[in-house]
Amino acid sequence: MALSDRDIKVALDNGSITIDPLFPNSIQSASVDVHLGKHFLVYVRNDTTHIQPEESVEHMMREVEISQNKPFVLHPGEFALGVLE
């Protein structure tokens, strides 16, 4: 379901959605700009055919820390997880 900016503000006001932190001017006409941290785990493509939930996936991921001077580009088909600090 897509919400208009007016609907997003109503949903925020009545508590049906929560965005924290919500920065000024983050709400657009039908979207909300979100801000993530600078630490990510990026899946490294390999010949793995499946992932076992009970096994570690650390060997399948690489850590990325975004810097102010270099953009982080996530190409089509790539997968990244934001990491809580």
PDB file of N, CA and C in Angstrom:
ATOM      1  N   MET A   1       0.846  -1.159   0.000  1.00  0.00           N
ATOM      2  CA  MET A   1       0.000   0.000   0.000  1.00  0.00           C
ATOM      3  C   MET A   1       0.897   1.229   0.000  1.00  0.00           C
ATOM      4  N   ALA A   2       0.612   2.195  -0.862  1.00  0.00           N
ATOM      5  CA  ALA A   2       1.345   3.453  -0.905  1.00  0.00           C
ATOM      6  C   ALA A   2       0.538   4.518  -0.174  1.00  0.00           C
ATOM      7  N   LEU A   3       1.218   5.281   0.647  1.00  0.00           N
ATOM      8  CA  LEU A   3       0.567   6.365   1.383  1.00  0.00           C
ATOM      9  C   LEU A   3       1.049   7.699   0.843  1.00  0.00           C
ATOM     10  N   SER A   4       0.157   8.676   0.804  1.00  0.00           N
ATOM     11  CA  SER A   4       0.562  10.031   0.442  1.00  0.00           C
ATOM     12  C   SER A   4       1.271  10.658   1.632  1.00  0.00           C
ATOM     13  N   ASP A   5       1.899  11.790   1.417  1.00  0.00           N
ATOM     14  CA  ASP A   5       2.575  12.466   2.520  1.00  0.00           C
ATOM     15  C   ASP A   5       1.578  12.818   3.623  1.00  0.00           C
ATOM     16  N   ARG A   6       0.382  13.200   3.252  1.00  0.00           N
ATOM     17  CA  ARG A   6      -0.654  13.527   4.238  1.00  0.00           C
ATOM     18  C   ARG A   6      -1.023  12.283   5.043  1.00  0.00           C
ATOM     19  N   ASP A   7      -1.179  11.135   4.354  1.00  0.00           N
ATOM     20  CA  ASP A   7      -1.509   9.878   5.044  1.00  0.00           C
ATOM     21  C   ASP A   7      -0.368   9.429   5.959  1.00  0.00           C
ATOM     22  N   ILE A   8       0.863   9.624   5.510  1.00  0.00           N
ATOM     23  CA  ILE A   8       2.028   9.258   6.329  1.00  0.00           C
ATOM     24  C   ILE A   8       2.026  10.066   7.620  1.00  0.00           C
ATOM     25  N   LYS A   9       1.759  11.368   7.515  1.00  0.00           N
ATOM     26  CA  LYS A   9       1.734  12.231   8.708  1.00  0.00           C
ATOM     27  C   LYS A   9       0.618  11.835   9.663  1.00  0.00           C
ATOM     28  N   VAL A  10      -0.553  11.480   9.119  1.00  0.00           N
ATOM     29  CA  VAL A  10      -1.670  11.023   9.957  1.00  0.00           C
ATOM     30  C   VAL A  10      -1.291   9.728  10.667  1.00  0.00           C
ATOM     31  N   ALA A  11      -0.687   8.787   9.935  1.00  0.00           N
ATOM     32  CA  ALA A  11      -0.284   7.501  10.530  1.00  0.00           C
ATOM     33  C   ALA A  11       0.768   7.695  11.609  1.00  0.00           C
ATOM     34  N   LEU A  12       1.675   8.635  11.401  1.00  0.00           N
ATOM     35  CA  LEU A  12       2.670   8.940  12.437  1.00  0.00           C
ATOM     36  C   LEU A  12       1.988   9.537  13.665  1.00  0.00           C
ATOM     37  N   ASP A  13       1.060  10.462  13.440  1.00  0.00           N
ATOM     38  CA  ASP A  13       0.365  11.111  14.550  1.00  0.00           C
ATOM     39  C   ASP A  13      -0.482  10.137  15.372  1.00  0.00           C
ATOM     40  N   ASN A  14      -1.145   9.180  14.689  1.00  0.00           N
ATOM     41  CA  ASN A  14      -2.008   8.259  15.447  1.00  0.00           C
ATOM     42  C   ASN A  14      -1.262   7.013  15.929  1.00  0.00           C
ATOM     43  N   GLY A  15       0.039   6.910  15.600  1.00  0.00           N
ATOM     44  CA  GLY A  15       0.853   5.819  16.115  1.00  0.00           C
ATOM     45  C   GLY A  15       0.774   4.523  15.329  1.00  0.00           C
ATOM     46  N   SER A  16       0.083   4.509  14.190  1.00  0.00           N
ATOM     47  CA  SER A  16       0.014   3.263  13.432  1.00  0.00           C
ATOM     48  C   SER A  16       1.326   2.939  12.724  1.00  0.00           C
ATOM     49  N   ILE A  17       2.184   3.938  12.508  1.00  0.00           N
ATOM     50  CA  ILE A  17       3.565   3.696  12.075  1.00  0.00           C
ATOM     51  C   ILE A  17       4.492   4.551  12.931  1.00  0.00           C
ATOM     52  N   THR A  18       5.705   4.076  13.081  1.00  0.00           N
ATOM     53  CA  THR A  18       6.710   4.791  13.854  1.00  0.00           C
ATOM     54  C   THR A  18       7.993   4.845  13.041  1.00  0.00           C
ATOM     55  N   ILE A  19       8.601   6.012  12.983  1.00  0.00           N
ATOM     56  CA  ILE A  19       9.891   6.184  12.323  1.00  0.00           C
ATOM     57  C   ILE A  19      10.789   6.942  13.290  1.00  0.00           C
ATOM     58  N   ASP A  20      11.881   6.315  13.673  1.00  0.00           N
ATOM     59  CA  ASP A  20      12.777   6.934  14.645  1.00  0.00           C
ATOM     60  C   ASP A  20      14.219   6.649  14.261  1.00  0.00           C
ATOM     61  N   PRO A  21      15.004   7.628  13.965  1.00  0.00           N
ATOM     62  CA  PRO A  21      14.683   9.048  14.021  1.00  0.00           C
ATOM     63  C   PRO A  21      13.989   9.504  12.742  1.00  0.00           C
ATOM     64  N   LEU A  22      13.149  10.497  12.875  1.00  0.00           N
ATOM     65  CA  LEU A  22      12.495  11.127  11.733  1.00  0.00           C
ATOM     66  C   LEU A  22      13.047  12.536  11.633  1.00  0.00           C
ATOM     67  N   PHE A  23      13.771  12.800  10.561  1.00  0.00           N
ATOM     68  CA  PHE A  23      14.413  14.094  10.379  1.00  0.00           C
ATOM     69  C   PHE A  23      13.479  15.063   9.662  1.00  0.00           C
ATOM     70  N   PRO A  24      13.639  16.375   9.920  1.00  0.00           N
ATOM     71  CA  PRO A  24      12.828  17.364   9.201  1.00  0.00           C
ATOM     72  C   PRO A  24      12.986  17.171   7.692  1.00  0.00           C
ATOM     73  N   ASN A  25      11.924  17.368   6.969  1.00  0.00           N
ATOM     74  CA  ASN A  25      11.897  17.265   5.504  1.00  0.00           C
ATOM     75  C   ASN A  25      12.132  15.849   4.984  1.00  0.00           C
ATOM     76  N   SER A  26      12.012  14.823   5.822  1.00  0.00           N
ATOM     77  CA  SER A  26      12.194  13.442   5.374  1.00  0.00           C
ATOM     78  C   SER A  26      10.965  12.908   4.643  1.00  0.00           C
ATOM     79  N   ILE A  27       9.806  13.478   4.927  1.00  0.00           N
ATOM     80  CA  ILE A  27       8.578  12.995   4.311  1.00  0.00           C
ATOM     81  C   ILE A  27       8.424  13.650   2.938  1.00  0.00           C
ATOM     82  N   GLN A  28       8.331  12.797   1.922  1.00  0.00           N
ATOM     83  CA  GLN A  28       8.159  13.259   0.546  1.00  0.00           C
ATOM     84  C   GLN A  28       6.713  13.007   0.120  1.00  0.00           C
ATOM     85  N   SER A  29       6.394  13.210  -1.155  1.00  0.00           N
ATOM     86  CA  SER A  29       5.003  13.118  -1.611  1.00  0.00           C
ATOM     87  C   SER A  29       4.379  11.733  -1.385  1.00  0.00           C
ATOM     88  N   ALA A  30       5.158  10.658  -1.512  1.00  0.00           N
ATOM     89  CA  ALA A  30       4.623   9.311  -1.271  1.00  0.00           C
ATOM     90  C   ALA A  30       5.710   8.407  -0.716  1.00  0.00           C
ATOM     91  N   SER A  31       6.625   8.989   0.055  1.00  0.00           N
ATOM     92  CA  SER A  31       7.729   8.203   0.603  1.00  0.00           C
ATOM     93  C   SER A  31       8.324   8.921   1.803  1.00  0.00           C
ATOM     94  N   VAL A  32       9.204   8.204   2.493  1.00  0.00           N
ATOM     95  CA  VAL A  32       9.950   8.780   3.605  1.00  0.00           C
ATOM     96  C   VAL A  32      11.418   8.445   3.381  1.00  0.00           C
ATOM     97  N   ASP A  33      12.263   9.455   3.408  1.00  0.00           N
ATOM     98  CA  ASP A  33      13.700   9.228   3.318  1.00  0.00           C
ATOM     99  C   ASP A  33      14.179   8.709   4.669  1.00  0.00           C
ATOM    100  N   VAL A  34      14.850   7.567   4.657  1.00  0.00           N
ATOM    101  CA  VAL A  34      15.382   7.010   5.901  1.00  0.00           C
ATOM    102  C   VAL A  34      16.889   7.169   5.918  1.00  0.00           C
ATOM    103  N   HIS A  35      17.441   7.196   7.093  1.00  0.00           N
ATOM    104  CA  HIS A  35      18.869   7.390   7.271  1.00  0.00           C
ATOM    105  C   HIS A  35      19.419   6.208   8.043  1.00  0.00           C
ATOM    106  N   LEU A  36      20.388   5.551   7.456  1.00  0.00           N
ATOM    107  CA  LEU A  36      21.000   4.383   8.074  1.00  0.00           C
ATOM    108  C   LEU A  36      22.354   4.756   8.649  1.00  0.00           C
ATOM    109  N   GLY A  37      22.910   3.869   9.429  1.00  0.00           N
ATOM    110  CA  GLY A  37      24.249   4.066   9.957  1.00  0.00           C
ATOM    111  C   GLY A  37      25.288   3.855   8.868  1.00  0.00           C
ATOM    112  N   LYS A  38      26.537   3.720   9.286  1.00  0.00           N
ATOM    113  CA  LYS A  38      27.615   3.582   8.307  1.00  0.00           C
ATOM    114  C   LYS A  38      28.205   2.184   8.256  1.00  0.00           C
ATOM    115  N   HIS A  39      27.644   1.232   8.998  1.00  0.00           N
ATOM    116  CA  HIS A  39      28.169  -0.131   9.018  1.00  0.00           C
ATOM    117  C   HIS A  39      27.184  -1.093   8.353  1.00  0.00           C
ATOM    118  N   PHE A  40      27.703  -1.887   7.413  1.00  0.00           N
ATOM    119  CA  PHE A  40      26.888  -2.839   6.668  1.00  0.00           C
ATOM    120  C   PHE A  40      27.611  -4.163   6.531  1.00  0.00           C
ATOM    121  N   LEU A  41      26.842  -5.215   6.349  1.00  0.00           N
ATOM    122  CA  LEU A  41      27.369  -6.507   5.931  1.00  0.00           C
ATOM    123  C   LEU A  41      26.844  -6.746   4.526  1.00  0.00           C
ATOM    124  N   VAL A  42      27.744  -6.988   3.589  1.00  0.00           N
ATOM    125  CA  VAL A  42      27.376  -7.187   2.196  1.00  0.00           C
ATOM    126  C   VAL A  42      27.622  -8.640   1.835  1.00  0.00           C
ATOM    127  N   TYR A  43      26.619  -9.274   1.256  1.00  0.00           N
ATOM    128  CA  TYR A  43      26.730 -10.664   0.833  1.00  0.00           C
ATOM    129  C   TYR A  43      27.736 -10.771  -0.306  1.00  0.00           C
ATOM    130  N   VAL A  44      28.655 -11.700  -0.194  1.00  0.00           N
ATOM    131  CA  VAL A  44      29.652 -11.960  -1.229  1.00  0.00           C
ATOM    132  C   VAL A  44      29.164 -13.134  -2.063  1.00  0.00           C
ATOM    133  N   ARG A  45      28.974 -12.896  -3.344  1.00  0.00           N
ATOM    134  CA  ARG A  45      28.506 -13.980  -4.218  1.00  0.00           C
ATOM    135  C   ARG A  45      29.553 -15.079  -4.281  1.00  0.00           C
ATOM    136  N   ASN A  46      29.069 -16.311  -4.177  1.00  0.00           N
ATOM    137  CA  ASN A  46      29.959 -17.466  -4.253  1.00  0.00           C
ATOM    138  C   ASN A  46      29.168 -18.653  -4.793  1.00  0.00           C
ATOM    139  N   ASP A  47      29.705 -19.820  -4.641  1.00  0.00           N
ATOM    140  CA  ASP A  47      29.023 -20.997  -5.193  1.00  0.00           C
ATOM    141  C   ASP A  47      28.104 -21.688  -4.184  1.00  0.00           C
ATOM    142  N   THR A  48      27.775 -21.007  -3.099  1.00  0.00           N
ATOM    143  CA  THR A  48      26.869 -21.567  -2.101  1.00  0.00           C
ATOM    144  C   THR A  48      25.475 -21.717  -2.700  1.00  0.00           C
ATOM    145  N   THR A  49      24.902 -22.887  -2.536  1.00  0.00           N
ATOM    146  CA  THR A  49      23.580 -23.139  -3.106  1.00  0.00           C
ATOM    147  C   THR A  49      22.448 -22.881  -2.125  1.00  0.00           C
ATOM    148  N   HIS A  50      22.762 -22.863  -0.828  1.00  0.00           N
ATOM    149  CA  HIS A  50      21.732 -22.631   0.171  1.00  0.00           C
ATOM    150  C   HIS A  50      22.382 -22.170   1.471  1.00  0.00           C
ATOM    151  N   ILE A  51      21.558 -21.627   2.346  1.00  0.00           N
ATOM    152  CA  ILE A  51      22.020 -21.166   3.657  1.00  0.00           C
ATOM    153  C   ILE A  51      21.276 -21.950   4.720  1.00  0.00           C
ATOM    154  N   GLN A  52      22.021 -22.537   5.644  1.00  0.00           N
ATOM    155  CA  GLN A  52      21.430 -23.245   6.772  1.00  0.00           C
ATOM    156  C   GLN A  52      21.247 -22.237   7.911  1.00  0.00           C
ATOM    157  N   PRO A  53      20.023 -22.019   8.371  1.00  0.00           N
ATOM    158  CA  PRO A  53      19.784 -21.022   9.417  1.00  0.00           C
ATOM    159  C   PRO A  53      20.592 -21.239  10.693  1.00  0.00           C
ATOM    160  N   GLU A  54      20.910 -22.486  11.014  1.00  0.00           N
ATOM    161  CA  GLU A  54      21.641 -22.762  12.258  1.00  0.00           C
ATOM    162  C   GLU A  54      23.152 -22.582  12.105  1.00  0.00           C
ATOM    163  N   GLU A  55      23.633 -22.357  10.892  1.00  0.00           N
ATOM    164  CA  GLU A  55      25.075 -22.193  10.659  1.00  0.00           C
ATOM    165  C   GLU A  55      25.439 -20.723  10.471  1.00  0.00           C
ATOM    166  N   SER A  56      26.660 -20.400  10.826  1.00  0.00           N
ATOM    167  CA  SER A  56      27.154 -19.034  10.669  1.00  0.00           C
ATOM    168  C   SER A  56      27.248 -18.660   9.189  1.00  0.00           C
ATOM    169  N   VAL A  57      26.943 -17.406   8.896  1.00  0.00           N
ATOM    170  CA  VAL A  57      27.058 -16.911   7.520  1.00  0.00           C
ATOM    171  C   VAL A  57      28.180 -15.877   7.405  1.00  0.00           C
ATOM    172  N   GLU A  58      28.998 -15.776   8.448  1.00  0.00           N
ATOM    173  CA  GLU A  58      30.062 -14.773   8.446  1.00  0.00           C
ATOM    174  C   GLU A  58      31.004 -14.908   7.255  1.00  0.00           C
ATOM    175  N   HIS A  59      31.258 -16.147   6.833  1.00  0.00           N
ATOM    176  CA  HIS A  59      32.163 -16.352   5.705  1.00  0.00           C
ATOM    177  C   HIS A  59      31.538 -15.913   4.380  1.00  0.00           C
ATOM    178  N   MET A  60      30.233 -15.644   4.388  1.00  0.00           N
ATOM    179  CA  MET A  60      29.531 -15.216   3.179  1.00  0.00           C
ATOM    180  C   MET A  60      29.354 -13.700   3.104  1.00  0.00           C
ATOM    181  N   MET A  61      29.788 -12.994   4.128  1.00  0.00           N
ATOM    182  CA  MET A  61      29.567 -11.559   4.204  1.00  0.00           C
ATOM    183  C   MET A  61      30.892 -10.824   4.357  1.00  0.00           C
ATOM    184  N   ARG A  62      30.914  -9.589   3.878  1.00  0.00           N
ATOM    185  CA  ARG A  62      32.071  -8.730   4.146  1.00  0.00           C
ATOM    186  C   ARG A  62      31.554  -7.465   4.815  1.00  0.00           C
ATOM    187  N   GLU A  63      32.330  -6.974   5.756  1.00  0.00           N
ATOM    188  CA  GLU A  63      31.948  -5.759   6.467  1.00  0.00           C
ATOM    189  C   GLU A  63      32.325  -4.543   5.641  1.00  0.00           C
ATOM    190  N   VAL A  64      31.436  -3.571   5.610  1.00  0.00           N
ATOM    191  CA  VAL A  64      31.684  -2.323   4.902  1.00  0.00           C
ATOM    192  C   VAL A  64      31.384  -1.180   5.860  1.00  0.00           C
ATOM    193  N   GLU A  65      32.305  -0.226   5.945  1.00  0.00           N
ATOM    194  CA  GLU A  65      32.059   0.993   6.703  1.00  0.00           C
ATOM    195  C   GLU A  65      32.089   2.147   5.714  1.00  0.00           C
ATOM    196  N   ILE A  66      30.996   2.853   5.622  1.00  0.00           N
ATOM    197  CA  ILE A  66      30.875   3.950   4.668  1.00  0.00           C
ATOM    198  C   ILE A  66      31.626   5.159   5.207  1.00  0.00           C
ATOM    199  N   SER A  67      32.363   5.811   4.318  1.00  0.00           N
ATOM    200  CA  SER A  67      33.068   7.026   4.720  1.00  0.00           C
ATOM    201  C   SER A  67      32.367   8.239   4.111  1.00  0.00           C
ATOM    202  N   GLN A  68      32.663   9.405   4.639  1.00  0.00           N
ATOM    203  CA  GLN A  68      32.092  10.651   4.127  1.00  0.00           C
ATOM    204  C   GLN A  68      32.571  10.949   2.716  1.00  0.00           C
ATOM    205  N   ASN A  69      33.761  10.460   2.362  1.00  0.00           N
ATOM    206  CA  ASN A  69      34.391  10.826   1.095  1.00  0.00           C
ATOM    207  C   ASN A  69      34.093   9.882  -0.056  1.00  0.00           C
ATOM    208  N   LYS A  70      33.538   8.710   0.235  1.00  0.00           N
ATOM    209  CA  LYS A  70      33.310   7.723  -0.816  1.00  0.00           C
ATOM    210  C   LYS A  70      31.899   7.161  -0.680  1.00  0.00           C
ATOM    211  N   PRO A  71      31.099   7.237  -1.744  1.00  0.00           N
ATOM    212  CA  PRO A  71      29.724   6.729  -1.632  1.00  0.00           C
ATOM    213  C   PRO A  71      29.690   5.208  -1.560  1.00  0.00           C
ATOM    214  N   PHE A  72      28.636   4.701  -0.976  1.00  0.00           N
ATOM    215  CA  PHE A  72      28.386   3.267  -0.925  1.00  0.00           C
ATOM    216  C   PHE A  72      27.399   2.947  -2.029  1.00  0.00           C
ATOM    217  N   VAL A  73      27.804   2.111  -2.964  1.00  0.00           N
ATOM    218  CA  VAL A  73      26.952   1.770  -4.092  1.00  0.00           C
ATOM    219  C   VAL A  73      26.526   0.313  -3.954  1.00  0.00           C
ATOM    220  N   LEU A  74      25.238   0.100  -3.933  1.00  0.00           N
ATOM    221  CA  LEU A  74      24.678  -1.244  -3.899  1.00  0.00           C
ATOM    222  C   LEU A  74      24.106  -1.508  -5.285  1.00  0.00           C
ATOM    223  N   HIS A  75      24.758  -2.385  -6.026  1.00  0.00           N
ATOM    224  CA  HIS A  75      24.387  -2.648  -7.410  1.00  0.00           C
ATOM    225  C   HIS A  75      23.179  -3.574  -7.480  1.00  0.00           C
ATOM    226  N   PRO A  76      22.460  -3.553  -8.617  1.00  0.00           N
ATOM    227  CA  PRO A  76      21.297  -4.441  -8.772  1.00  0.00           C
ATOM    228  C   PRO A  76      21.664  -5.899  -8.489  1.00  0.00           C
ATOM    229  N   GLY A  77      20.826  -6.573  -7.735  1.00  0.00           N
ATOM    230  CA  GLY A  77      21.061  -7.970  -7.400  1.00  0.00           C
ATOM    231  C   GLY A  77      21.937  -8.170  -6.177  1.00  0.00           C
ATOM    232  N   GLU A  78      22.509  -7.108  -5.634  1.00  0.00           N
ATOM    233  CA  GLU A  78      23.325  -7.235  -4.421  1.00  0.00           C
ATOM    234  C   GLU A  78      22.446  -7.120  -3.191  1.00  0.00           C
ATOM    235  N   PHE A  79      22.972  -7.591  -2.072  1.00  0.00           N
ATOM    236  CA  PHE A  79      22.212  -7.644  -0.825  1.00  0.00           C
ATOM    237  C   PHE A  79      23.092  -7.145   0.303  1.00  0.00           C
ATOM    238  N   ALA A  80      22.551  -6.247   1.122  1.00  0.00           N
ATOM    239  CA  ALA A  80      23.306  -5.724   2.260  1.00  0.00           C
ATOM    240  C   ALA A  80      22.397  -5.669   3.482  1.00  0.00           C
ATOM    241  N   LEU A  81      22.990  -5.851   4.638  1.00  0.00           N
ATOM    242  CA  LEU A  81      22.285  -5.734   5.915  1.00  0.00           C
ATOM    243  C   LEU A  81      22.881  -4.578   6.689  1.00  0.00           C
ATOM    244  N   GLY A  82      22.032  -3.716   7.222  1.00  0.00           N
ATOM    245  CA  GLY A  82      22.507  -2.669   8.119  1.00  0.00           C
ATOM    246  C   GLY A  82      22.845  -3.286   9.460  1.00  0.00           C
ATOM    247  N   VAL A  83      23.909  -2.828  10.076  1.00  0.00           N
ATOM    248  CA  VAL A  83      24.367  -3.389  11.349  1.00  0.00           C
ATOM    249  C   VAL A  83      24.164  -2.357  12.445  1.00  0.00           C
ATOM    250  N   LEU A  84      23.519  -2.761  13.526  1.00  0.00           N
ATOM    251  CA  LEU A  84      23.351  -1.875  14.668  1.00  0.00           C
ATOM    252  C   LEU A  84      24.688  -1.663  15.350  1.00  0.00           C
ATOM    253  N   GLU A  85      24.929  -0.458  15.728  1.00  0.00           N
ATOM    254  CA  GLU A  85      26.189  -0.144  16.418  1.00  0.00           C
ATOM    255  C   GLU A  85      26.011  -0.213  17.910  1.00  0.00           C
TER     256      GLU A  85
END
